[in-house]
């Protein structure tokens, strides 16, 4: 996963490409009535805190083995708009198409 924004500011192409990839397991779950997408380290015995938490996530782009999620992320006590760019290697074509169809049919109203 790579983030598209830092502190609410869009990263330049160079900043986006130069940042390291974060690897782990994506989990989607309801927390206190709101959806939360978390990126967790996925090694054996890992009990570390999440690498990232995206609140009220929505799929904004999906093609073959890449998915982008948008939502809000807390950074230094501030809530900032964030987009996560994720590569999910070996995603079956049928699942990729289903995710794309779900994104098209989603209500993207931010309220």
PDB file of N, CA and C in Angstrom:
ATOM      1  N   UNK A   1       0.844  -1.167   0.000  1.00  0.00           N
ATOM      2  CA  UNK A   1       0.000   0.000   0.000  1.00  0.00           C
ATOM      3  C   UNK A   1       0.894   1.236   0.000  1.00  0.00           C
ATOM      4  N   UNK A   2       0.454   2.227  -0.735  1.00  0.00           N
ATOM      5  CA  UNK A   2       1.091   3.547  -0.725  1.00  0.00           C
ATOM      6  C   UNK A   2       0.004   4.586  -0.536  1.00  0.00           C
ATOM      7  N   UNK A   3       0.319   5.623   0.235  1.00  0.00           N
ATOM      8  CA  UNK A   3      -0.628   6.709   0.458  1.00  0.00           C
ATOM      9  C   UNK A   3      -0.451   7.781  -0.619  1.00  0.00           C
ATOM     10  N   UNK A   4      -1.559   8.399  -1.040  1.00  0.00           N
ATOM     11  CA  UNK A   4      -1.519   9.463  -2.046  1.00  0.00           C
ATOM     12  C   UNK A   4      -1.387  10.857  -1.415  1.00  0.00           C
ATOM     13  N   UNK A   5      -1.695  10.965  -0.114  1.00  0.00           N
ATOM     14  CA  UNK A   5      -1.663  12.256   0.572  1.00  0.00           C
ATOM     15  C   UNK A   5      -0.775  12.161   1.807  1.00  0.00           C
ATOM     16  N   UNK A   6      -0.172  13.267   2.195  1.00  0.00           N
ATOM     17  CA  UNK A   6       0.577  13.371   3.444  1.00  0.00           C
ATOM     18  C   UNK A   6       0.050  14.583   4.187  1.00  0.00           C
ATOM     19  N   UNK A   7      -0.556  14.344   5.359  1.00  0.00           N
ATOM     20  CA  UNK A   7      -1.114  15.444   6.138  1.00  0.00           C
ATOM     21  C   UNK A   7      -2.193  16.213   5.409  1.00  0.00           C
ATOM     22  N   UNK A   8      -2.941  15.551   4.527  1.00  0.00           N
ATOM     23  CA  UNK A   8      -4.006  16.197   3.776  1.00  0.00           C
ATOM     24  C   UNK A   8      -3.565  16.855   2.485  1.00  0.00           C
ATOM     25  N   UNK A   9      -2.269  16.779   2.155  1.00  0.00           N
ATOM     26  CA  UNK A   9      -1.732  17.396   0.936  1.00  0.00           C
ATOM     27  C   UNK A   9      -1.354  16.308  -0.065  1.00  0.00           C
ATOM     28  N   UNK A  10      -1.812  16.472  -1.301  1.00  0.00           N
ATOM     29  CA  UNK A  10      -1.513  15.520  -2.363  1.00  0.00           C
ATOM     30  C   UNK A  10      -0.008  15.434  -2.595  1.00  0.00           C
ATOM     31  N   UNK A  11       0.524  14.213  -2.611  1.00  0.00           N
ATOM     32  CA  UNK A  11       1.945  14.011  -2.882  1.00  0.00           C
ATOM     33  C   UNK A  11       2.238  14.223  -4.365  1.00  0.00           C
ATOM     34  N   UNK A  12       3.420  14.725  -4.653  1.00  0.00           N
ATOM     35  CA  UNK A  12       3.845  14.822  -6.053  1.00  0.00           C
ATOM     36  C   UNK A  12       4.074  13.407  -6.586  1.00  0.00           C
ATOM     37  N   UNK A  13       4.166  13.264  -7.889  1.00  0.00           N
ATOM     38  CA  UNK A  13       4.427  11.940  -8.468  1.00  0.00           C
ATOM     39  C   UNK A  13       5.722  11.361  -7.915  1.00  0.00           C
ATOM     40  N   UNK A  14       6.754  12.195  -7.791  1.00  0.00           N
ATOM     41  CA  UNK A  14       8.051  11.736  -7.274  1.00  0.00           C
ATOM     42  C   UNK A  14       7.933  11.263  -5.825  1.00  0.00           C
ATOM     43  N   UNK A  15       7.235  12.058  -4.974  1.00  0.00           N
ATOM     44  CA  UNK A  15       7.054  11.678  -3.570  1.00  0.00           C
ATOM     45  C   UNK A  15       6.266  10.376  -3.450  1.00  0.00           C
ATOM     46  N   UNK A  16       5.231  10.241  -4.289  1.00  0.00           N
ATOM     47  CA  UNK A  16       4.418   9.027  -4.261  1.00  0.00           C
ATOM     48  C   UNK A  16       5.251   7.802  -4.643  1.00  0.00           C
ATOM     49  N   UNK A  17       6.018   7.903  -5.717  1.00  0.00           N
ATOM     50  CA  UNK A  17       6.813   6.774  -6.211  1.00  0.00           C
ATOM     51  C   UNK A  17       7.963   6.440  -5.259  1.00  0.00           C
ATOM     52  N   UNK A  18       8.549   7.445  -4.628  1.00  0.00           N
ATOM     53  CA  UNK A  18       9.714   7.224  -3.765  1.00  0.00           C
ATOM     54  C   UNK A  18       9.382   6.633  -2.400  1.00  0.00           C
ATOM     55  N   UNK A  19       8.121   6.688  -1.984  1.00  0.00           N
ATOM     56  CA  UNK A  19       7.800   6.144  -0.670  1.00  0.00           C
ATOM     57  C   UNK A  19       7.839   4.618  -0.688  1.00  0.00           C
ATOM     58  N   UNK A  20       8.184   3.994   0.428  1.00  0.00           N
ATOM     59  CA  UNK A  20       8.252   2.525   0.458  1.00  0.00           C
ATOM     60  C   UNK A  20       6.854   1.905   0.415  1.00  0.00           C
ATOM     61  N   UNK A  21       6.773   0.695  -0.115  1.00  0.00           N
ATOM     62  CA  UNK A  21       5.537  -0.071  -0.097  1.00  0.00           C
ATOM     63  C   UNK A  21       5.318  -0.604   1.309  1.00  0.00           C
ATOM     64  N   UNK A  22       4.103  -0.522   1.806  1.00  0.00           N
ATOM     65  CA  UNK A  22       3.733  -1.131   3.076  1.00  0.00           C
ATOM     66  C   UNK A  22       2.971  -2.412   2.754  1.00  0.00           C
ATOM     67  N   UNK A  23       3.367  -3.513   3.346  1.00  0.00           N
ATOM     68  CA  UNK A  23       2.752  -4.805   3.047  1.00  0.00           C
ATOM     69  C   UNK A  23       2.020  -5.336   4.261  1.00  0.00           C
ATOM     70  N   UNK A  24       0.906  -5.996   4.019  1.00  0.00           N
ATOM     71  CA  UNK A  24       0.158  -6.587   5.109  1.00  0.00           C
ATOM     72  C   UNK A  24      -1.192  -7.100   4.654  1.00  0.00           C
ATOM     73  N   UNK A  25      -2.066  -7.305   5.626  1.00  0.00           N
ATOM     74  CA  UNK A  25      -3.406  -7.841   5.393  1.00  0.00           C
ATOM     75  C   UNK A  25      -4.425  -6.730   5.576  1.00  0.00           C
ATOM     76  N   UNK A  26      -5.270  -6.521   4.560  1.00  0.00           N
ATOM     77  CA  UNK A  26      -6.355  -5.537   4.659  1.00  0.00           C
ATOM     78  C   UNK A  26      -7.547  -6.186   5.349  1.00  0.00           C
ATOM     79  N   UNK A  27      -8.122  -5.477   6.314  1.00  0.00           N
ATOM     80  CA  UNK A  27      -9.317  -5.966   6.992  1.00  0.00           C
ATOM     81  C   UNK A  27     -10.367  -4.865   6.989  1.00  0.00           C
ATOM     82  N   UNK A  28     -11.597  -5.231   6.718  1.00  0.00           N
ATOM     83  CA  UNK A  28     -12.723  -4.298   6.724  1.00  0.00           C
ATOM     84  C   UNK A  28     -13.671  -4.747   7.825  1.00  0.00           C
ATOM     85  N   UNK A  29     -13.984  -3.816   8.751  1.00  0.00           N
ATOM     86  CA  UNK A  29     -14.860  -4.184   9.863  1.00  0.00           C
ATOM     87  C   UNK A  29     -15.611  -2.963  10.371  1.00  0.00           C
ATOM     88  N   UNK A  30     -16.796  -3.196  10.954  1.00  0.00           N
ATOM     89  CA  UNK A  30     -17.527  -2.082  11.567  1.00  0.00           C
ATOM     90  C   UNK A  30     -16.974  -1.814  12.965  1.00  0.00           C
ATOM     91  N   UNK A  31     -16.762  -0.540  13.290  1.00  0.00           N
ATOM     92  CA  UNK A  31     -16.309  -0.127  14.616  1.00  0.00           C
ATOM     93  C   UNK A  31     -17.184   1.047  15.043  1.00  0.00           C
ATOM     94  N   UNK A  32     -17.933   0.874  16.117  1.00  0.00           N
ATOM     95  CA  UNK A  32     -18.815   1.915  16.639  1.00  0.00           C
ATOM     96  C   UNK A  32     -19.717   2.499  15.558  1.00  0.00           C
ATOM     97  N   UNK A  33     -20.262   1.648  14.712  1.00  0.00           N
ATOM     98  CA  UNK A  33     -21.205   2.077  13.683  1.00  0.00           C
ATOM     99  C   UNK A  33     -20.593   2.634  12.414  1.00  0.00           C
ATOM    100  N   UNK A  34     -19.265   2.685  12.340  1.00  0.00           N
ATOM    101  CA  UNK A  34     -18.595   3.178  11.136  1.00  0.00           C
ATOM    102  C   UNK A  34     -17.668   2.092  10.603  1.00  0.00           C
ATOM    103  N   UNK A  35     -17.496   2.080   9.285  1.00  0.00           N
ATOM    104  CA  UNK A  35     -16.608   1.086   8.690  1.00  0.00           C
ATOM    105  C   UNK A  35     -15.162   1.551   8.820  1.00  0.00           C
ATOM    106  N   UNK A  36     -14.290   0.584   9.037  1.00  0.00           N
ATOM    107  CA  UNK A  36     -12.859   0.838   9.189  1.00  0.00           C
ATOM    108  C   UNK A  36     -12.092  -0.159   8.334  1.00  0.00           C
ATOM    109  N   UNK A  37     -11.190   0.361   7.500  1.00  0.00           N
ATOM    110  CA  UNK A  37     -10.292  -0.482   6.719  1.00  0.00           C
ATOM    111  C   UNK A  37      -8.927  -0.365   7.371  1.00  0.00           C
ATOM    112  N   UNK A  38      -8.385  -1.506   7.762  1.00  0.00           N
ATOM    113  CA  UNK A  38      -7.084  -1.497   8.422  1.00  0.00           C
ATOM    114  C   UNK A  38      -6.065  -2.281   7.624  1.00  0.00           C
ATOM    115  N   UNK A  39      -4.837  -1.817   7.676  1.00  0.00           N
ATOM    116  CA  UNK A  39      -3.715  -2.559   7.108  1.00  0.00           C
ATOM    117  C   UNK A  39      -2.900  -3.058   8.281  1.00  0.00           C
ATOM    118  N   UNK A  40      -2.809  -4.386   8.403  1.00  0.00           N
ATOM    119  CA  UNK A  40      -2.142  -5.018   9.530  1.00  0.00           C
ATOM    120  C   UNK A  40      -0.959  -5.823   9.025  1.00  0.00           C
ATOM    121  N   UNK A  41       0.095  -5.842   9.793  1.00  0.00           N
ATOM    122  CA  UNK A  41       1.238  -6.685   9.479  1.00  0.00           C
ATOM    123  C   UNK A  41       0.764  -8.129   9.488  1.00  0.00           C
ATOM    124  N   UNK A  42       1.212  -8.925   8.537  1.00  0.00           N
ATOM    125  CA  UNK A  42       0.646 -10.260   8.384  1.00  0.00           C
ATOM    126  C   UNK A  42       1.656 -11.384   8.590  1.00  0.00           C
ATOM    127  N   UNK A  43       2.706 -11.132   9.335  1.00  0.00           N
ATOM    128  CA  UNK A  43       3.684 -12.176   9.602  1.00  0.00           C
ATOM    129  C   UNK A  43       3.247 -13.066  10.750  1.00  0.00           C
ATOM    130  N   UNK A  44       3.859 -14.238  10.866  1.00  0.00           N
ATOM    131  CA  UNK A  44       3.508 -15.149  11.965  1.00  0.00           C
ATOM    132  C   UNK A  44       3.780 -14.493  13.319  1.00  0.00           C
ATOM    133  N   UNK A  45       2.801 -14.567  14.203  1.00  0.00           N
ATOM    134  CA  UNK A  45       2.958 -14.044  15.550  1.00  0.00           C
ATOM    135  C   UNK A  45       2.880 -12.541  15.674  1.00  0.00           C
ATOM    136  N   UNK A  46       2.528 -11.829  14.609  1.00  0.00           N
ATOM    137  CA  UNK A  46       2.441 -10.370  14.673  1.00  0.00           C
ATOM    138  C   UNK A  46       1.235  -9.945  15.497  1.00  0.00           C
ATOM    139  N   UNK A  47       1.475  -9.145  16.503  1.00  0.00           N
ATOM    140  CA  UNK A  47       0.397  -8.560  17.298  1.00  0.00           C
ATOM    141  C   UNK A  47       0.598  -7.054  17.397  1.00  0.00           C
ATOM    142  N   UNK A  48       1.314  -6.516  16.442  1.00  0.00           N
ATOM    143  CA  UNK A  48       1.610  -5.085  16.417  1.00  0.00           C
ATOM    144  C   UNK A  48       0.363  -4.295  16.070  1.00  0.00           C
ATOM    145  N   UNK A  49       0.352  -2.997  16.403  1.00  0.00           N
ATOM    146  CA  UNK A  49      -0.786  -2.159  15.998  1.00  0.00           C
ATOM    147  C   UNK A  49      -0.870  -2.067  14.481  1.00  0.00           C
ATOM    148  N   UNK A  50      -1.997  -1.597  13.969  1.00  0.00           N
ATOM    149  CA  UNK A  50      -2.144  -1.523  12.512  1.00  0.00           C
ATOM    150  C   UNK A  50      -1.126  -0.565  11.895  1.00  0.00           C
ATOM    151  N   UNK A  51      -0.769  -0.848  10.652  1.00  0.00           N
ATOM    152  CA  UNK A  51       0.125   0.024   9.889  1.00  0.00           C
ATOM    153  C   UNK A  51      -0.637   1.281   9.478  1.00  0.00           C
ATOM    154  N   UNK A  52      -1.924   1.140   9.275  1.00  0.00           N
ATOM    155  CA  UNK A  52      -2.773   2.264   8.908  1.00  0.00           C
ATOM    156  C   UNK A  52      -4.236   1.932   9.134  1.00  0.00           C
ATOM    157  N   UNK A  53      -5.053   2.960   9.411  1.00  0.00           N
ATOM    158  CA  UNK A  53      -6.497   2.814   9.562  1.00  0.00           C
ATOM    159  C   UNK A  53      -7.185   3.867   8.710  1.00  0.00           C
ATOM    160  N   UNK A  54      -8.083   3.430   7.861  1.00  0.00           N
ATOM    161  CA  UNK A  54      -8.852   4.319   6.993  1.00  0.00           C
ATOM    162  C   UNK A  54     -10.315   4.205   7.403  1.00  0.00           C
ATOM    163  N   UNK A  55     -10.905   5.329   7.790  1.00  0.00           N
ATOM    164  CA  UNK A  55     -12.295   5.333   8.252  1.00  0.00           C
ATOM    165  C   UNK A  55     -13.234   5.732   7.119  1.00  0.00           C
ATOM    166  N   UNK A  56     -14.432   5.142   7.134  1.00  0.00           N
ATOM    167  CA  UNK A  56     -15.459   5.350   6.102  1.00  0.00           C
ATOM    168  C   UNK A  56     -14.872   5.140   4.703  1.00  0.00           C
ATOM    169  N   UNK A  57     -14.207   3.995   4.496  1.00  0.00           N
ATOM    170  CA  UNK A  57     -13.547   3.763   3.206  1.00  0.00           C
ATOM    171  C   UNK A  57     -14.542   3.486   2.092  1.00  0.00           C
ATOM    172  N   UNK A  58     -14.125   3.820   0.886  1.00  0.00           N
ATOM    173  CA  UNK A  58     -14.890   3.458  -0.313  1.00  0.00           C
ATOM    174  C   UNK A  58     -13.900   3.138  -1.419  1.00  0.00           C
ATOM    175  N   UNK A  59     -14.306   2.238  -2.296  1.00  0.00           N
ATOM    176  CA  UNK A  59     -13.481   1.892  -3.449  1.00  0.00           C
ATOM    177  C   UNK A  59     -13.615   3.009  -4.472  1.00  0.00           C
ATOM    178  N   UNK A  60     -12.481   3.585  -4.904  1.00  0.00           N
ATOM    179  CA  UNK A  60     -12.540   4.662  -5.894  1.00  0.00           C
ATOM    180  C   UNK A  60     -11.984   4.240  -7.242  1.00  0.00           C
ATOM    181  N   UNK A  61     -11.191   3.175  -7.274  1.00  0.00           N
ATOM    182  CA  UNK A  61     -10.665   2.665  -8.542  1.00  0.00           C
ATOM    183  C   UNK A  61     -10.274   1.209  -8.349  1.00  0.00           C
ATOM    184  N   UNK A  62     -10.484   0.438  -9.394  1.00  0.00           N
ATOM    185  CA  UNK A  62     -10.146  -0.981  -9.348  1.00  0.00           C
ATOM    186  C   UNK A  62      -9.866  -1.444 -10.767  1.00  0.00           C
ATOM    187  N   UNK A  63      -8.688  -2.009 -10.979  1.00  0.00           N
ATOM    188  CA  UNK A  63      -8.342  -2.537 -12.291  1.00  0.00           C
ATOM    189  C   UNK A  63      -7.337  -3.673 -12.125  1.00  0.00           C
ATOM    190  N   UNK A  64      -7.727  -4.827 -12.596  1.00  0.00           N
ATOM    191  CA  UNK A  64      -6.883  -6.016 -12.519  1.00  0.00           C
ATOM    192  C   UNK A  64      -6.356  -6.237 -11.103  1.00  0.00           C
ATOM    193  N   UNK A  65      -5.085  -5.953 -10.837  1.00  0.00           N
ATOM    194  CA  UNK A  65      -4.544  -6.256  -9.508  1.00  0.00           C
ATOM    195  C   UNK A  65      -4.276  -5.008  -8.666  1.00  0.00           C
ATOM    196  N   UNK A  66      -4.964  -3.896  -8.949  1.00  0.00           N
ATOM    197  CA  UNK A  66      -4.819  -2.691  -8.143  1.00  0.00           C
ATOM    198  C   UNK A  66      -6.190  -2.181  -7.699  1.00  0.00           C
ATOM    199  N   UNK A  67      -6.243  -1.710  -6.456  1.00  0.00           N
ATOM    200  CA  UNK A  67      -7.462  -1.145  -5.898  1.00  0.00           C
ATOM    201  C   UNK A  67      -7.063   0.118  -5.147  1.00  0.00           C
ATOM    202  N   UNK A  68      -7.823   1.191  -5.314  1.00  0.00           N
ATOM    203  CA  UNK A  68      -7.612   2.403  -4.534  1.00  0.00           C
ATOM    204  C   UNK A  68      -8.822   2.626  -3.644  1.00  0.00           C
ATOM    205  N   UNK A  69      -8.552   2.908  -2.368  1.00  0.00           N
ATOM    206  CA  UNK A  69      -9.582   3.190  -1.379  1.00  0.00           C
ATOM    207  C   UNK A  69      -9.426   4.636  -0.921  1.00  0.00           C
ATOM    208  N   UNK A  70     -10.538   5.330  -0.713  1.00  0.00           N
ATOM    209  CA  UNK A  70     -10.512   6.692  -0.169  1.00  0.00           C
ATOM    210  C   UNK A  70     -11.266   6.707   1.148  1.00  0.00           C
ATOM    211  N   UNK A  71     -10.866   7.599   2.033  1.00  0.00           N
ATOM    212  CA  UNK A  71     -11.526   7.741   3.326  1.00  0.00           C
ATOM    213  C   UNK A  71     -10.801   8.793   4.135  1.00  0.00           C
ATOM    214  N   UNK A  72     -10.957   8.724   5.453  1.00  0.00           N
ATOM    215  CA  UNK A  72     -10.252   9.653   6.329  1.00  0.00           C
ATOM    216  C   UNK A  72      -9.292   8.874   7.212  1.00  0.00           C
ATOM    217  N   UNK A  73      -8.164   9.496   7.496  1.00  0.00           N
ATOM    218  CA  UNK A  73      -7.131   8.882   8.316  1.00  0.00           C
ATOM    219  C   UNK A  73      -6.670   9.914   9.338  1.00  0.00           C
ATOM    220  N   UNK A  74      -6.451   9.474  10.570  1.00  0.00           N
ATOM    221  CA  UNK A  74      -5.994  10.400  11.598  1.00  0.00           C
ATOM    222  C   UNK A  74      -4.472  10.492  11.562  1.00  0.00           C
ATOM    223  N   UNK A  75      -3.967  11.728  11.423  1.00  0.00           N
ATOM    224  CA  UNK A  75      -2.531  11.984  11.352  1.00  0.00           C
ATOM    225  C   UNK A  75      -2.193  13.078  12.349  1.00  0.00           C
ATOM    226  N   UNK A  76      -1.425  12.729  13.366  1.00  0.00           N
ATOM    227  CA  UNK A  76      -1.024  13.727  14.353  1.00  0.00           C
ATOM    228  C   UNK A  76      -2.192  14.429  15.019  1.00  0.00           C
ATOM    229  N   UNK A  77      -3.266  13.705  15.296  1.00  0.00           N
ATOM    230  CA  UNK A  77      -4.431  14.292  15.948  1.00  0.00           C
ATOM    231  C   UNK A  77      -5.401  14.994  15.018  1.00  0.00           C
ATOM    232  N   UNK A  78      -5.078  15.079  13.711  1.00  0.00           N
ATOM    233  CA  UNK A  78      -5.965  15.709  12.716  1.00  0.00           C
ATOM    234  C   UNK A  78      -6.561  14.635  11.828  1.00  0.00           C
ATOM    235  N   UNK A  79      -7.792  14.845  11.379  1.00  0.00           N
ATOM    236  CA  UNK A  79      -8.424  13.948  10.419  1.00  0.00           C
ATOM    237  C   UNK A  79      -8.161  14.499   9.026  1.00  0.00           C
ATOM    238  N   UNK A  80      -7.599  13.670   8.152  1.00  0.00           N
ATOM    239  CA  UNK A  80      -7.230  14.095   6.805  1.00  0.00           C
ATOM    240  C   UNK A  80      -7.813  13.132   5.772  1.00  0.00           C
ATOM    241  N   UNK A  81      -8.174  13.697   4.620  1.00  0.00           N
ATOM    242  CA  UNK A  81      -8.584  12.879   3.479  1.00  0.00           C
ATOM    243  C   UNK A  81      -7.387  12.048   3.047  1.00  0.00           C
ATOM    244  N   UNK A  82      -7.636  10.783   2.684  1.00  0.00           N
ATOM    245  CA  UNK A  82      -6.541   9.910   2.282  1.00  0.00           C
ATOM    246  C   UNK A  82      -7.011   8.952   1.194  1.00  0.00           C
ATOM    247  N   UNK A  83      -6.104   8.598   0.314  1.00  0.00           N
ATOM    248  CA  UNK A  83      -6.331   7.551  -0.687  1.00  0.00           C
ATOM    249  C   UNK A  83      -5.207   6.546  -0.539  1.00  0.00           C
ATOM    250  N   UNK A  84      -5.581   5.290  -0.416  1.00  0.00           N
ATOM    251  CA  UNK A  84      -4.603   4.204  -0.378  1.00  0.00           C
ATOM    252  C   UNK A  84      -4.577   3.533  -1.741  1.00  0.00           C
ATOM    253  N   UNK A  85      -3.408   3.417  -2.306  1.00  0.00           N
ATOM    254  CA  UNK A  85      -3.202   2.696  -3.567  1.00  0.00           C
ATOM    255  C   UNK A  85      -2.656   1.326  -3.182  1.00  0.00           C
ATOM    256  N   UNK A  86      -3.378   0.278  -3.532  1.00  0.00           N
ATOM    257  CA  UNK A  86      -3.006  -1.079  -3.121  1.00  0.00           C
ATOM    258  C   UNK A  86      -2.826  -1.980  -4.331  1.00  0.00           C
ATOM    259  N   UNK A  87      -1.808  -2.797  -4.279  1.00  0.00           N
ATOM    260  CA  UNK A  87      -1.632  -3.856  -5.261  1.00  0.00           C
ATOM    261  C   UNK A  87      -1.949  -5.172  -4.576  1.00  0.00           C
ATOM    262  N   UNK A  88      -2.828  -5.930  -5.184  1.00  0.00           N
ATOM    263  CA  UNK A  88      -3.225  -7.233  -4.647  1.00  0.00           C
ATOM    264  C   UNK A  88      -2.880  -8.284  -5.686  1.00  0.00           C
ATOM    265  N   UNK A  89      -1.666  -8.728  -5.643  1.00  0.00           N
ATOM    266  CA  UNK A  89      -1.156  -9.651  -6.655  1.00  0.00           C
ATOM    267  C   UNK A  89      -2.024 -10.896  -6.764  1.00  0.00           C
ATOM    268  N   UNK A  90      -2.214 -11.348  -7.978  1.00  0.00           N
ATOM    269  CA  UNK A  90      -2.957 -12.572  -8.288  1.00  0.00           C
ATOM    270  C   UNK A  90      -4.437 -12.482  -7.959  1.00  0.00           C
ATOM    271  N   UNK A  91      -5.015 -11.306  -8.085  1.00  0.00           N
ATOM    272  CA  UNK A  91      -6.451 -11.158  -7.875  1.00  0.00           C
ATOM    273  C   UNK A  91      -7.182 -11.810  -9.043  1.00  0.00           C
ATOM    274  N   UNK A  92      -8.108 -12.743  -8.769  1.00  0.00           N
ATOM    275  CA  UNK A  92      -8.845 -13.382  -9.868  1.00  0.00           C
ATOM    276  C   UNK A  92      -9.617 -12.344 -10.685  1.00  0.00           C
ATOM    277  N   UNK A  93      -9.640 -12.523 -11.991  1.00  0.00           N
ATOM    278  CA  UNK A  93     -10.312 -11.587 -12.887  1.00  0.00           C
ATOM    279  C   UNK A  93     -11.766 -11.360 -12.536  1.00  0.00           C
ATOM    280  N   UNK A  94     -12.482 -12.425 -12.137  1.00  0.00           N
ATOM    281  CA  UNK A  94     -13.899 -12.286 -11.803  1.00  0.00           C
ATOM    282  C   UNK A  94     -14.091 -11.405 -10.564  1.00  0.00           C
ATOM    283  N   UNK A  95     -13.180 -11.525  -9.574  1.00  0.00           N
ATOM    284  CA  UNK A  95     -13.280 -10.686  -8.384  1.00  0.00           C
ATOM    285  C   UNK A  95     -12.964  -9.236  -8.725  1.00  0.00           C
ATOM    286  N   UNK A  96     -11.972  -9.013  -9.574  1.00  0.00           N
ATOM    287  CA  UNK A  96     -11.627  -7.661  -9.993  1.00  0.00           C
ATOM    288  C   UNK A  96     -12.824  -6.997 -10.667  1.00  0.00           C
ATOM    289  N   UNK A  97     -13.494  -7.714 -11.554  1.00  0.00           N
ATOM    290  CA  UNK A  97     -14.668  -7.171 -12.236  1.00  0.00           C
ATOM    291  C   UNK A  97     -15.809  -6.907 -11.258  1.00  0.00           C
ATOM    292  N   UNK A  98     -16.001  -7.796 -10.275  1.00  0.00           N
ATOM    293  CA  UNK A  98     -17.055  -7.602  -9.281  1.00  0.00           C
ATOM    294  C   UNK A  98     -16.776  -6.364  -8.428  1.00  0.00           C
ATOM    295  N   UNK A  99     -15.534  -6.169  -8.017  1.00  0.00           N
ATOM    296  CA  UNK A  99     -15.174  -4.985  -7.230  1.00  0.00           C
ATOM    297  C   UNK A  99     -15.378  -3.707  -8.035  1.00  0.00           C
ATOM    298  N   UNK A 100     -15.035  -3.747  -9.313  1.00  0.00           N
ATOM    299  CA  UNK A 100     -15.237  -2.593 -10.179  1.00  0.00           C
ATOM    300  C   UNK A 100     -16.721  -2.267 -10.304  1.00  0.00           C
ATOM    301  N   UNK A 101     -17.550  -3.293 -10.483  1.00  0.00           N
ATOM    302  CA  UNK A 101     -18.999  -3.091 -10.585  1.00  0.00           C
ATOM    303  C   UNK A 101     -19.549  -2.519  -9.282  1.00  0.00           C
ATOM    304  N   UNK A 102     -19.066  -3.016  -8.135  1.00  0.00           N
ATOM    305  CA  UNK A 102     -19.509  -2.491  -6.839  1.00  0.00           C
ATOM    306  C   UNK A 102     -19.144  -1.023  -6.705  1.00  0.00           C
ATOM    307  N   UNK A 103     -17.952  -0.630  -7.161  1.00  0.00           N
ATOM    308  CA  UNK A 103     -17.518   0.762  -7.076  1.00  0.00           C
ATOM    309  C   UNK A 103     -18.400   1.656  -7.940  1.00  0.00           C
ATOM    310  N   UNK A 104     -18.773   1.171  -9.118  1.00  0.00           N
ATOM    311  CA  UNK A 104     -19.626   1.953 -10.021  1.00  0.00           C
ATOM    312  C   UNK A 104     -20.997   2.178  -9.394  1.00  0.00           C
ATOM    313  N   UNK A 105     -21.505   1.171  -8.699  1.00  0.00           N
ATOM    314  CA  UNK A 105     -22.844   1.245  -8.115  1.00  0.00           C
ATOM    315  C   UNK A 105     -22.880   1.902  -6.751  1.00  0.00           C
ATOM    316  N   UNK A 106     -21.719   2.249  -6.174  1.00  0.00           N
ATOM    317  CA  UNK A 106     -21.662   2.833  -4.822  1.00  0.00           C
ATOM    318  C   UNK A 106     -22.139   4.271  -4.823  1.00  0.00           C
ATOM    319  N   UNK A 107     -22.696   4.670  -3.682  1.00  0.00           N
ATOM    320  CA  UNK A 107     -23.059   6.058  -3.470  1.00  0.00           C
ATOM    321  C   UNK A 107     -21.803   6.767  -2.948  1.00  0.00           C
ATOM    322  N   UNK A 108     -21.231   7.666  -3.720  1.00  0.00           N
ATOM    323  CA  UNK A 108     -19.995   8.338  -3.342  1.00  0.00           C
ATOM    324  C   UNK A 108     -20.246   9.686  -2.682  1.00  0.00           C
ATOM    325  N   UNK A 109     -21.465   9.895  -2.174  1.00  0.00           N
ATOM    326  CA  UNK A 109     -21.794  11.126  -1.460  1.00  0.00           C
ATOM    327  C   UNK A 109     -21.032  11.126  -0.145  1.00  0.00           C
ATOM    328  N   UNK A 110     -20.164  12.124   0.130  1.00  0.00           N
ATOM    329  CA  UNK A 110     -19.341  12.106   1.344  1.00  0.00           C
ATOM    330  C   UNK A 110     -20.100  12.287   2.644  1.00  0.00           C
ATOM    331  N   UNK A 111     -21.363  12.641   2.598  1.00  0.00           N
ATOM    332  CA  UNK A 111     -22.128  12.805   3.852  1.00  0.00           C
ATOM    333  C   UNK A 111     -22.525  11.460   4.314  1.00  0.00           C
TER     334      UNK A 111
END
